[in-house]
C-alpha atoms as a PDB file:
ATOM      1  CA  UNK A   1      12.598 -54.589  43.603  1.00  0.00           C
ATOM      2  CA  UNK A   2       8.836 -54.819  42.219  1.00  0.00           C
ATOM      3  CA  UNK A   3       7.829 -51.663  44.259  1.00  0.00           C
ATOM      4  CA  UNK A   4      10.993 -50.003  42.529  1.00  0.00           C
ATOM      5  CA  UNK A   5       9.565 -50.866  39.007  1.00  0.00           C
ATOM      6  CA  UNK A   6       5.877 -50.071  39.739  1.00  0.00           C
ATOM      7  CA  UNK A   7       7.227 -46.558  40.728  1.00  0.00           C
ATOM      8  CA  UNK A   8       9.634 -46.499  37.532  1.00  0.00           C
ATOM      9  CA  UNK A   9       6.481 -47.368  35.591  1.00  0.00           C
ATOM     10  CA  UNK A  10       3.891 -44.829  37.700  1.00  0.00           C
ATOM     11  CA  UNK A  11       6.842 -41.850  36.791  1.00  0.00           C
ATOM     12  CA  UNK A  12       6.697 -42.615  33.202  1.00  0.00           C
ATOM     13  CA  UNK A  13       2.811 -42.542  32.687  1.00  0.00           C
ATOM     14  CA  UNK A  14       2.754 -39.176  34.691  1.00  0.00           C
ATOM     15  CA  UNK A  15       5.612 -37.966  32.202  1.00  0.00           C
ATOM     16  CA  UNK A  16       3.474 -38.892  29.430  1.00  0.00           C
ATOM     17  CA  UNK A  17       0.696 -37.546  31.040  1.00  0.00           C
ATOM     18  CA  UNK A  18       2.249 -34.344  31.524  1.00  0.00           C
ATOM     19  CA  UNK A  19       3.696 -34.068  28.019  1.00  0.00           C
ATOM     20  CA  UNK A  20       0.124 -34.883  26.304  1.00  0.00           C
ATOM     21  CA  UNK A  21      -0.987 -31.804  28.695  1.00  0.00           C
ATOM     22  CA  UNK A  22       1.517 -29.256  27.516  1.00  0.00           C
ATOM     23  CA  UNK A  23       1.206 -30.697  24.288  1.00  0.00           C
ATOM     24  CA  UNK A  24      -2.635 -29.717  23.969  1.00  0.00           C
ATOM     25  CA  UNK A  25      -2.323 -26.481  25.602  1.00  0.00           C
ATOM     26  CA  UNK A  26       0.592 -25.191  22.940  1.00  0.00           C
ATOM     27  CA  UNK A  27      -1.468 -26.623  20.201  1.00  0.00           C
ATOM     28  CA  UNK A  28      -4.843 -25.751  21.748  1.00  0.00           C
ATOM     29  CA  UNK A  29      -4.413 -21.766  20.080  1.00  0.00           C
ATOM     30  CA  UNK A  30      -3.083 -22.887  16.832  1.00  0.00           C
ATOM     31  CA  UNK A  31      -5.941 -25.153  16.295  1.00  0.00           C
ATOM     32  CA  UNK A  32      -8.212 -21.958  17.012  1.00  0.00           C
ATOM     33  CA  UNK A  33      -6.394 -20.100  14.821  1.00  0.00           C
ATOM     34  CA  UNK A  34      -6.035 -22.516  12.296  1.00  0.00           C
ATOM     35  CA  UNK A  35     -10.160 -23.065  12.047  1.00  0.00           C
ATOM     36  CA  UNK A  36     -10.155 -18.975  12.362  1.00  0.00           C
ATOM     37  CA  UNK A  37      -8.210 -18.403   8.988  1.00  0.00           C
ATOM     38  CA  UNK A  38     -10.098 -21.230   7.446  1.00  0.00           C
ATOM     39  CA  UNK A  39     -13.536 -19.975   8.287  1.00  0.00           C
ATOM     40  CA  UNK A  40     -12.167 -16.489   7.139  1.00  0.00           C
ATOM     41  CA  UNK A  41     -11.221 -17.285   3.803  1.00  0.00           C
ATOM     42  CA  UNK A  42     -14.259 -19.441   3.131  1.00  0.00           C
ATOM     43  CA  UNK A  43     -16.370 -16.069   4.224  1.00  0.00           C
ATOM     44  CA  UNK A  44     -14.204 -13.845   2.362  1.00  0.00           C
ATOM     45  CA  UNK A  45     -14.868 -15.620  -0.834  1.00  0.00           C
ATOM     46  CA  UNK A  46     -18.793 -15.563  -0.345  1.00  0.00           C
ATOM     47  CA  UNK A  47     -18.581 -11.602   0.805  1.00  0.00           C
ATOM     48  CA  UNK A  48     -16.853 -10.708  -2.452  1.00  0.00           C
ATOM     49  CA  UNK A  49     -19.124 -12.543  -4.578  1.00  0.00           C
ATOM     50  CA  UNK A  50     -22.230 -10.779  -2.679  1.00  0.00           C
ATOM     51  CA  UNK A  51     -20.178  -7.572  -3.934  1.00  0.00           C
ATOM     52  CA  UNK A  52     -19.893  -8.247  -7.310  1.00  0.00           C
ATOM     53  CA  UNK A  53     -23.705  -9.180  -7.583  1.00  0.00           C
ATOM     54  CA  UNK A  54     -24.303  -5.964  -5.854  1.00  0.00           C
ATOM     55  CA  UNK A  55     -22.677  -3.891  -8.187  1.00  0.00           C
ATOM     56  CA  UNK A  56     -24.414  -5.329 -11.122  1.00  0.00           C
ATOM     57  CA  UNK A  57     -27.596  -5.229  -9.344  1.00  0.00           C
ATOM     58  CA  UNK A  58     -27.356  -1.706  -8.614  1.00  0.00           C
ATOM     59  CA  UNK A  59     -26.627  -0.916 -12.414  1.00  0.00           C
ATOM     60  CA  UNK A  60     -29.516  -2.697 -13.228  1.00  0.00           C
ATOM     61  CA  UNK A  61     -31.942  -0.783 -10.450  1.00  0.00           C
ATOM     62  CA  UNK A  62     -29.964   2.341  -9.301  1.00  0.00           C
ATOM     63  CA  UNK A  63     -29.928   0.670  -5.974  1.00  0.00           C
ATOM     64  CA  UNK A  64     -28.387  -1.920  -3.736  1.00  0.00           C
ATOM     65  CA  UNK A  65     -30.428  -5.281  -3.012  1.00  0.00           C
ATOM     66  CA  UNK A  66     -31.707  -5.014   1.021  1.00  0.00           C
ATOM     67  CA  UNK A  67     -31.325  -9.111   1.298  1.00  0.00           C
ATOM     68  CA  UNK A  68     -29.938 -11.979  -0.774  1.00  0.00           C
ATOM     69  CA  UNK A  69     -32.528 -13.618  -1.877  1.00  0.00           C
ATOM     70  CA  UNK A  70     -33.811 -10.048  -3.405  1.00  0.00           C
ATOM     71  CA  UNK A  71     -30.548  -9.894  -4.856  1.00  0.00           C
ATOM     72  CA  UNK A  72     -30.320 -13.254  -6.258  1.00  0.00           C
ATOM     73  CA  UNK A  73     -33.867 -13.055  -7.889  1.00  0.00           C
ATOM     74  CA  UNK A  74     -33.641  -9.622  -8.850  1.00  0.00           C
ATOM     75  CA  UNK A  75     -30.125 -10.363 -11.080  1.00  0.00           C
ATOM     76  CA  UNK A  76     -32.259 -13.365 -12.231  1.00  0.00           C
ATOM     77  CA  UNK A  77     -34.862 -11.438 -13.766  1.00  0.00           C
ATOM     78  CA  UNK A  78     -33.673  -8.346 -14.292  1.00  0.00           C
ATOM     79  CA  UNK A  79     -32.794  -6.857 -17.673  1.00  0.00           C
ATOM     80  CA  UNK A  80     -29.743  -4.176 -17.929  1.00  0.00           C
ATOM     81  CA  UNK A  81     -29.178  -1.868 -20.730  1.00  0.00           C
ATOM     82  CA  UNK A  82     -26.172  -2.942 -22.922  1.00  0.00           C
ATOM     83  CA  UNK A  83     -24.537  -1.081 -25.803  1.00  0.00           C
ATOM     84  CA  UNK A  84     -23.561  -3.175 -28.309  1.00  0.00           C
ATOM     85  CA  UNK A  85     -20.883  -2.257 -31.194  1.00  0.00           C
ATOM     86  CA  UNK A  86     -20.929  -3.762 -34.840  1.00  0.00           C
ATOM     87  CA  UNK A  87     -18.134  -3.559 -37.163  1.00  0.00           C
ATOM     88  CA  UNK A  88     -14.627  -2.594 -36.779  1.00  0.00           C
ATOM     89  CA  UNK A  89     -12.580   1.017 -36.665  1.00  0.00           C
ATOM     90  CA  UNK A  90     -10.031   1.373 -39.399  1.00  0.00           C
ATOM     91  CA  UNK A  91      -6.882   2.183 -38.115  1.00  0.00           C
ATOM     92  CA  UNK A  92      -6.741   5.489 -39.461  1.00  0.00           C
ATOM     93  CA  UNK A  93      -9.685   6.738 -38.216  1.00  0.00           C
ATOM     94  CA  UNK A  94     -11.197   7.521 -34.596  1.00  0.00           C
ATOM     95  CA  UNK A  95     -14.085   5.712 -33.357  1.00  0.00           C
ATOM     96  CA  UNK A  96     -16.273   8.569 -33.567  1.00  0.00           C
ATOM     97  CA  UNK A  97     -15.573   9.232 -37.391  1.00  0.00           C
ATOM     98  CA  UNK A  98     -15.845   5.380 -38.135  1.00  0.00           C
ATOM     99  CA  UNK A  99     -19.419   5.849 -35.847  1.00  0.00           C
ATOM    100  CA  UNK A 100     -20.512   8.841 -38.211  1.00  0.00           C
ATOM    101  CA  UNK A 101     -19.097   7.571 -41.243  1.00  0.00           C
ATOM    102  CA  UNK A 102     -21.659   4.526 -41.024  1.00  0.00           C
ATOM    103  CA  UNK A 103     -18.384   2.018 -40.680  1.00  0.00           C
ATOM    104  CA  UNK A 104     -19.594   1.008 -37.168  1.00  0.00           C
ATOM    105  CA  UNK A 105     -22.830   1.268 -35.427  1.00  0.00           C
ATOM    106  CA  UNK A 106     -24.244   1.002 -32.017  1.00  0.00           C
ATOM    107  CA  UNK A 107     -27.473  -0.368 -30.476  1.00  0.00           C
ATOM    108  CA  UNK A 108     -28.617  -0.555 -27.293  1.00  0.00           C
ATOM    109  CA  UNK A 109     -29.798  -4.092 -26.036  1.00  0.00           C
ATOM    110  CA  UNK A 110     -31.244  -5.673 -23.189  1.00  0.00           C
ATOM    111  CA  UNK A 111     -29.578  -8.639 -21.459  1.00  0.00           C
ATOM    112  CA  UNK A 112     -30.308 -10.352 -18.216  1.00  0.00           C
ATOM    113  CA  UNK A 113     -27.971  -9.461 -15.741  1.00  0.00           C
ATOM    114  CA  UNK A 114     -26.554 -12.416 -14.141  1.00  0.00           C
ATOM    115  CA  UNK A 115     -25.912 -14.005 -17.539  1.00  0.00           C
ATOM    116  CA  UNK A 116     -23.852 -10.688 -18.588  1.00  0.00           C
ATOM    117  CA  UNK A 117     -21.643 -11.602 -15.390  1.00  0.00           C
ATOM    118  CA  UNK A 118     -21.371 -14.627 -16.466  1.00  0.00           C
ATOM    119  CA  UNK A 119     -20.312 -14.252 -19.918  1.00  0.00           C
ATOM    120  CA  UNK A 120     -17.967 -11.166 -18.418  1.00  0.00           C
ATOM    121  CA  UNK A 121     -16.219 -13.756 -16.250  1.00  0.00           C
ATOM    122  CA  UNK A 122     -17.381 -11.671 -13.425  1.00  0.00           C
ATOM    123  CA  UNK A 123     -19.100 -14.436 -11.814  1.00  0.00           C
ATOM    124  CA  UNK A 124     -19.000 -18.578 -12.095  1.00  0.00           C
ATOM    125  CA  UNK A 125     -21.568 -18.915  -9.596  1.00  0.00           C
ATOM    126  CA  UNK A 126     -24.179 -21.382 -10.800  1.00  0.00           C
ATOM    127  CA  UNK A 127     -27.689 -21.460  -9.575  1.00  0.00           C
ATOM    128  CA  UNK A 128     -27.386 -24.140  -7.178  1.00  0.00           C
ATOM    129  CA  UNK A 129     -24.398 -22.171  -5.379  1.00  0.00           C
ATOM    130  CA  UNK A 130     -26.425 -19.054  -5.465  1.00  0.00           C
ATOM    131  CA  UNK A 131     -29.243 -20.627  -3.918  1.00  0.00           C
ATOM    132  CA  UNK A 132     -26.718 -20.878  -1.379  1.00  0.00           C
ATOM    133  CA  UNK A 133     -25.014 -17.736  -1.396  1.00  0.00           C
ATOM    134  CA  UNK A 134     -26.550 -16.455   2.047  1.00  0.00           C
ATOM    135  CA  UNK A 135     -25.656 -19.167   3.989  1.00  0.00           C
ATOM    136  CA  UNK A 136     -22.344 -18.813   6.171  1.00  0.00           C
ATOM    137  CA  UNK A 137     -19.846 -21.054   5.702  1.00  0.00           C
ATOM    138  CA  UNK A 138     -19.409 -23.685   8.556  1.00  0.00           C
ATOM    139  CA  UNK A 139     -22.744 -22.503  10.586  1.00  0.00           C
ATOM    140  CA  UNK A 140     -25.823 -24.548  11.387  1.00  0.00           C
ATOM    141  CA  UNK A 141     -26.984 -22.477   7.987  1.00  0.00           C
ATOM    142  CA  UNK A 142     -26.657 -19.503   9.810  1.00  0.00           C
ATOM    143  CA  UNK A 143     -26.994 -16.482   7.166  1.00  0.00           C
ATOM    144  CA  UNK A 144     -25.190 -13.344   6.615  1.00  0.00           C
ATOM    145  CA  UNK A 145     -26.653 -10.115   7.864  1.00  0.00           C
ATOM    146  CA  UNK A 146     -27.501  -7.393   4.987  1.00  0.00           C
ATOM    147  CA  UNK A 147     -29.168  -4.376   4.456  1.00  0.00           C
ATOM    148  CA  UNK A 148     -29.459  -1.430   1.766  1.00  0.00           C
ATOM    149  CA  UNK A 149     -30.346   2.118   1.947  1.00  0.00           C
ATOM    150  CA  UNK A 150     -29.491   5.892   0.300  1.00  0.00           C
ATOM    151  CA  UNK A 151     -27.561   8.045   2.114  1.00  0.00           C
ATOM    152  CA  UNK A 152     -27.138  11.723   1.398  1.00  0.00           C
ATOM    153  CA  UNK A 153     -23.817  12.904   0.247  1.00  0.00           C
ATOM    154  CA  UNK A 154     -22.962  16.582  -0.988  1.00  0.00           C
ATOM    155  CA  UNK A 155     -26.700  16.962  -1.372  1.00  0.00           C
ATOM    156  CA  UNK A 156     -26.976  13.690  -3.659  1.00  0.00           C
ATOM    157  CA  UNK A 157     -29.125  10.693  -2.187  1.00  0.00           C
ATOM    158  CA  UNK A 158     -26.616   7.924  -2.536  1.00  0.00           C
ATOM    159  CA  UNK A 159     -26.958   4.013  -2.341  1.00  0.00           C
ATOM    160  CA  UNK A 160     -25.208   1.816   0.371  1.00  0.00           C
ATOM    161  CA  UNK A 161     -25.120  -1.636   1.497  1.00  0.00           C
ATOM    162  CA  UNK A 162     -23.527  -3.881   4.304  1.00  0.00           C
ATOM    163  CA  UNK A 163     -23.034  -7.529   4.205  1.00  0.00           C
ATOM    164  CA  UNK A 164     -21.656  -8.996   7.249  1.00  0.00           C
ATOM    165  CA  UNK A 165     -21.208 -11.700   9.606  1.00  0.00           C
ATOM    166  CA  UNK A 166     -20.108 -11.720  12.966  1.00  0.00           C
ATOM    167  CA  UNK A 167     -17.721 -14.012  14.787  1.00  0.00           C
ATOM    168  CA  UNK A 168     -19.717 -15.340  17.352  1.00  0.00           C
ATOM    169  CA  UNK A 169     -22.164 -16.553  14.212  1.00  0.00           C
ATOM    170  CA  UNK A 170     -19.209 -17.650  12.283  1.00  0.00           C
ATOM    171  CA  UNK A 171     -17.332 -19.300  15.593  1.00  0.00           C
ATOM    172  CA  UNK A 172     -20.236 -20.512  17.177  1.00  0.00           C
ATOM    173  CA  UNK A 173     -19.022 -24.224  17.968  1.00  0.00           C
ATOM    174  CA  UNK A 174     -15.491 -23.524  18.910  1.00  0.00           C
ATOM    175  CA  UNK A 175     -14.096 -22.777  22.179  1.00  0.00           C
ATOM    176  CA  UNK A 176     -16.334 -20.286  23.836  1.00  0.00           C
ATOM    177  CA  UNK A 177     -13.145 -18.490  25.878  1.00  0.00           C
ATOM    178  CA  UNK A 178     -11.007 -18.283  22.742  1.00  0.00           C
ATOM    179  CA  UNK A 179     -14.074 -16.699  20.803  1.00  0.00           C
ATOM    180  CA  UNK A 180     -14.567 -14.095  23.298  1.00  0.00           C
ATOM    181  CA  UNK A 181     -10.829 -13.173  23.363  1.00  0.00           C
ATOM    182  CA  UNK A 182     -10.641 -13.229  19.600  1.00  0.00           C
ATOM    183  CA  UNK A 183     -13.494 -10.764  19.773  1.00  0.00           C
ATOM    184  CA  UNK A 184     -12.169  -8.842  22.321  1.00  0.00           C
ATOM    185  CA  UNK A 185      -9.247  -8.452  20.785  1.00  0.00           C
ATOM    186  CA  UNK A 186     -10.590  -6.953  17.380  1.00  0.00           C
ATOM    187  CA  UNK A 187     -12.921  -4.752  19.439  1.00  0.00           C
ATOM    188  CA  UNK A 188     -10.081  -3.117  21.591  1.00  0.00           C
ATOM    189  CA  UNK A 189      -8.341  -2.066  18.106  1.00  0.00           C
ATOM    190  CA  UNK A 190     -11.844  -0.166  17.260  1.00  0.00           C
ATOM    191  CA  UNK A 191     -12.240  -2.931  14.447  1.00  0.00           C
ATOM    192  CA  UNK A 192     -15.870  -4.965  13.451  1.00  0.00           C
ATOM    193  CA  UNK A 193     -15.205  -8.131  15.249  1.00  0.00           C
ATOM    194  CA  UNK A 194     -16.314  -9.958  12.053  1.00  0.00           C
ATOM    195  CA  UNK A 195     -16.028  -9.847   8.112  1.00  0.00           C
ATOM    196  CA  UNK A 196     -17.942  -7.391   5.956  1.00  0.00           C
ATOM    197  CA  UNK A 197     -18.080  -5.594   3.102  1.00  0.00           C
ATOM    198  CA  UNK A 198     -19.442  -2.223   2.345  1.00  0.00           C
ATOM    199  CA  UNK A 199     -20.898   0.091   4.829  1.00  0.00           C
ATOM    200  CA  UNK A 200     -24.108   1.271   6.034  1.00  0.00           C
ATOM    201  CA  UNK A 201     -23.169   4.753   6.761  1.00  0.00           C
ATOM    202  CA  UNK A 202     -20.743   5.325   3.453  1.00  0.00           C
ATOM    203  CA  UNK A 203     -20.706   4.644  -0.060  1.00  0.00           C
ATOM    204  CA  UNK A 204     -18.178   1.903  -0.295  1.00  0.00           C
ATOM    205  CA  UNK A 205     -17.938  -1.375  -1.120  1.00  0.00           C
ATOM    206  CA  UNK A 206     -14.481  -2.100   0.631  1.00  0.00           C
ATOM    207  CA  UNK A 207     -14.124  -4.927   2.720  1.00  0.00           C
ATOM    208  CA  UNK A 208     -12.617  -5.103   6.189  1.00  0.00           C
ATOM    209  CA  UNK A 209     -10.179  -8.173   5.095  1.00  0.00           C
ATOM    210  CA  UNK A 210      -8.768  -6.224   2.558  1.00  0.00           C
END
């Protein structure tokens, strides 16, 4: 009788262990995908901010910044020409007519590029957040790769930039085999195995998450 009860208990333990192992095997890829999506979304937020800042940097300097420190510093210290309009255009007039008659006037003033972005709602980043913009979320202070240059298109030199992070950096602390599988999956689909905005060879600022 005792032997039978021991066998029943042992069998119950084995069943519980098997259930736990089965559950973990099912949930493992789910947990990885959830973490992957969480990190991707955090990276995308930063890449979009970098793109917004780069666009204003280009308006200010005629080129893109080659690294994030230069990008932030250039926007903090730069001066961007802005046309200010004073007065109101009467309903019966065009703006050109009102300008000719002196009802309205325009002046070119210089503004700090970063302050202009904040004023227009193009960025809400604080100075502290800007100082941490170069760091990839969920990593041990790893930084985004960024580079810029001019490329010739239709006889013109056009500025381009690229900011990105490889999955091997973003997911470095996750299961190595799962990360390799995800990278291989993207490479087989001829996609960059990570997240990026811009392109080093073409004048586009799209992200591969869009």
